[in-house]
C-alpha atoms as a PDB file:
ATOM      1  CA  MET A   1     -11.434 -42.848 -16.910  1.00  0.00           C
ATOM      2  CA  ILE A   2      -9.624 -43.047 -20.149  1.00  0.00           C
ATOM      3  CA  PHE A   3      -8.167 -40.063 -21.863  1.00  0.00           C
ATOM      4  CA  ASP A   4      -8.052 -39.476 -25.300  1.00  0.00           C
ATOM      5  CA  GLU A   5      -5.218 -37.290 -25.939  1.00  0.00           C
ATOM      6  CA  SER A   6      -5.965 -36.794 -29.782  1.00  0.00           C
ATOM      7  CA  ARG A   7      -8.734 -34.795 -29.068  1.00  0.00           C
ATOM      8  CA  ALA A   8      -7.465 -32.429 -26.297  1.00  0.00           C
ATOM      9  CA  PHE A   9      -9.749 -29.592 -25.748  1.00  0.00           C
ATOM     10  CA  SER A  10     -12.033 -30.713 -28.135  1.00  0.00           C
ATOM     11  CA  GLU A  11     -15.070 -29.988 -25.401  1.00  0.00           C
ATOM     12  CA  GLN A  12     -14.756 -26.620 -23.905  1.00  0.00           C
ATOM     13  CA  LEU A  13     -16.684 -25.184 -21.089  1.00  0.00           C
ATOM     14  CA  ARG A  14     -18.395 -21.902 -21.417  1.00  0.00           C
ATOM     15  CA  PRO A  15     -16.630 -18.506 -20.403  1.00  0.00           C
ATOM     16  CA  LEU A  16     -16.766 -17.739 -16.666  1.00  0.00           C
ATOM     17  CA  THR A  17     -18.028 -14.453 -15.824  1.00  0.00           C
ATOM     18  CA  TYR A  18     -17.322 -12.692 -12.323  1.00  0.00           C
ATOM     19  CA  ALA A  19     -16.887  -9.545 -10.337  1.00  0.00           C
ATOM     20  CA  ASP A  20     -14.706  -7.842  -8.030  1.00  0.00           C
ATOM     21  CA  LEU A  21     -15.260  -5.579  -5.602  1.00  0.00           C
ATOM     22  CA  THR A  22     -12.611  -3.296  -3.584  1.00  0.00           C
ATOM     23  CA  VAL A  23     -13.097  -0.346  -1.081  1.00  0.00           C
ATOM     24  CA  ASN A  24      -9.848   1.568  -0.454  1.00  0.00           C
ATOM     25  CA  TYR A  25      -9.592   4.172   2.600  1.00  0.00           C
ATOM     26  CA  ARG A  26      -6.257   6.479   2.509  1.00  0.00           C
ATOM     27  CA  ILE A  27      -4.905   8.493   5.657  1.00  0.00           C
ATOM     28  CA  ASN A  28      -2.154  10.728   4.855  1.00  0.00           C
ATOM     29  CA  HIS A  29       0.140  11.638   7.549  1.00  0.00           C
ATOM     30  CA  ARG A  30       2.962  13.813   7.168  1.00  0.00           C
ATOM     31  CA  LYS A  31       5.789  11.095   6.324  1.00  0.00           C
ATOM     32  CA  SER A  32       3.642   8.254   5.901  1.00  0.00           C
ATOM     33  CA  SER A  33       0.196   7.329   4.314  1.00  0.00           C
ATOM     34  CA  SER A  34      -2.138   4.512   5.739  1.00  0.00           C
ATOM     35  CA  VAL A  35      -4.507   2.432   3.561  1.00  0.00           C
ATOM     36  CA  PHE A  36      -7.212   0.326   4.646  1.00  0.00           C
ATOM     37  CA  SER A  37      -8.664  -1.992   1.809  1.00  0.00           C
ATOM     38  CA  PHE A  38     -11.590  -4.143   1.794  1.00  0.00           C
ATOM     39  CA  GLN A  39     -12.221  -6.587  -1.562  1.00  0.00           C
ATOM     40  CA  MET A  40     -14.559  -8.932  -2.274  1.00  0.00           C
ATOM     41  CA  LYS A  41     -13.620 -11.568  -4.859  1.00  0.00           C
ATOM     42  CA  ASN A  42     -16.689 -13.081  -6.501  1.00  0.00           C
ATOM     43  CA  VAL A  43     -19.021 -10.965  -5.495  1.00  0.00           C
ATOM     44  CA  LEU A  44     -21.969 -12.474  -7.937  1.00  0.00           C
ATOM     45  CA  GLY A  45     -21.458 -16.034  -6.824  1.00  0.00           C
ATOM     46  CA  ALA A  46     -20.406 -17.364 -10.285  1.00  0.00           C
ATOM     47  CA  PRO A  47     -19.635 -21.055 -10.527  1.00  0.00           C
ATOM     48  CA  ILE A  48     -16.014 -22.437 -10.343  1.00  0.00           C
ATOM     49  CA  TYR A  49     -15.677 -25.766 -12.519  1.00  0.00           C
ATOM     50  CA  ILE A  50     -13.242 -27.585 -10.447  1.00  0.00           C
ATOM     51  CA  ASP A  51     -13.001 -31.531 -11.884  1.00  0.00           C
ATOM     52  CA  HIS A  52     -15.085 -34.358 -13.635  1.00  0.00           C
ATOM     53  CA  ASN A  53     -16.414 -36.764 -11.148  1.00  0.00           C
ATOM     54  CA  TYR A  54     -17.670 -40.231 -12.217  1.00  0.00           C
ATOM     55  CA  ASN A  55     -21.448 -40.549 -10.591  1.00  0.00           C
ATOM     56  CA  TYR A  56     -21.841 -44.905  -9.527  1.00  0.00           C
ATOM     57  CA  GLN A  57     -25.807 -44.284  -9.448  1.00  0.00           C
ATOM     58  CA  THR A  58     -26.244 -42.648 -12.862  1.00  0.00           C
ATOM     59  CA  GLY A  59     -22.871 -44.360 -14.796  1.00  0.00           C
ATOM     60  CA  GLN A  60     -22.303 -40.769 -15.894  1.00  0.00           C
ATOM     61  CA  ILE A  61     -19.324 -38.455 -15.496  1.00  0.00           C
ATOM     62  CA  GLU A  62     -20.562 -34.923 -14.196  1.00  0.00           C
ATOM     63  CA  LEU A  63     -18.840 -31.427 -13.933  1.00  0.00           C
ATOM     64  CA  SER A  64     -18.384 -30.559 -10.136  1.00  0.00           C
ATOM     65  CA  LYS A  65     -18.651 -26.878  -9.299  1.00  0.00           C
ATOM     66  CA  ALA A  66     -17.920 -24.720  -6.475  1.00  0.00           C
ATOM     67  CA  THR A  67     -19.291 -21.143  -5.369  1.00  0.00           C
ATOM     68  CA  LEU A  68     -16.428 -19.299  -3.501  1.00  0.00           C
ATOM     69  CA  VAL A  69     -16.837 -15.736  -2.251  1.00  0.00           C
ATOM     70  CA  ILE A  70     -13.697 -14.763  -0.409  1.00  0.00           C
ATOM     71  CA  PRO A  71     -13.575 -11.549   1.113  1.00  0.00           C
ATOM     72  CA  ASN A  72      -9.847  -9.924   1.797  1.00  0.00           C
ATOM     73  CA  ILE A  73      -9.163  -6.979   4.543  1.00  0.00           C
ATOM     74  CA  SER A  74      -5.402  -5.552   4.419  1.00  0.00           C
ATOM     75  CA  TYR A  75      -3.859  -2.946   6.104  1.00  0.00           C
ATOM     76  CA  LYS A  76      -0.575  -0.961   4.628  1.00  0.00           C
ATOM     77  CA  ILE A  77       1.785   1.623   5.506  1.00  0.00           C
ATOM     78  CA  GLU A  78       3.408   3.648   2.755  1.00  0.00           C
ATOM     79  CA  PHE A  79       6.181   5.767   3.161  1.00  0.00           C
END
């Protein structure tokens, strides 16, 4: 693959649209608070553009994509 630096940023991909979801639950104590949190990143499953790869069968450069939906569970104590 040969890069032509004089035409940098001439080809652009369409903007990505994704949504995140967060649910928090707080328990208040006398001197502290407990916070439970559940997050889902990229809930809609929008594809993420990773890299360009050369396909030897077709002889073309193809865009490789991946779909990542990432859950996150956390617990926090606040004083």
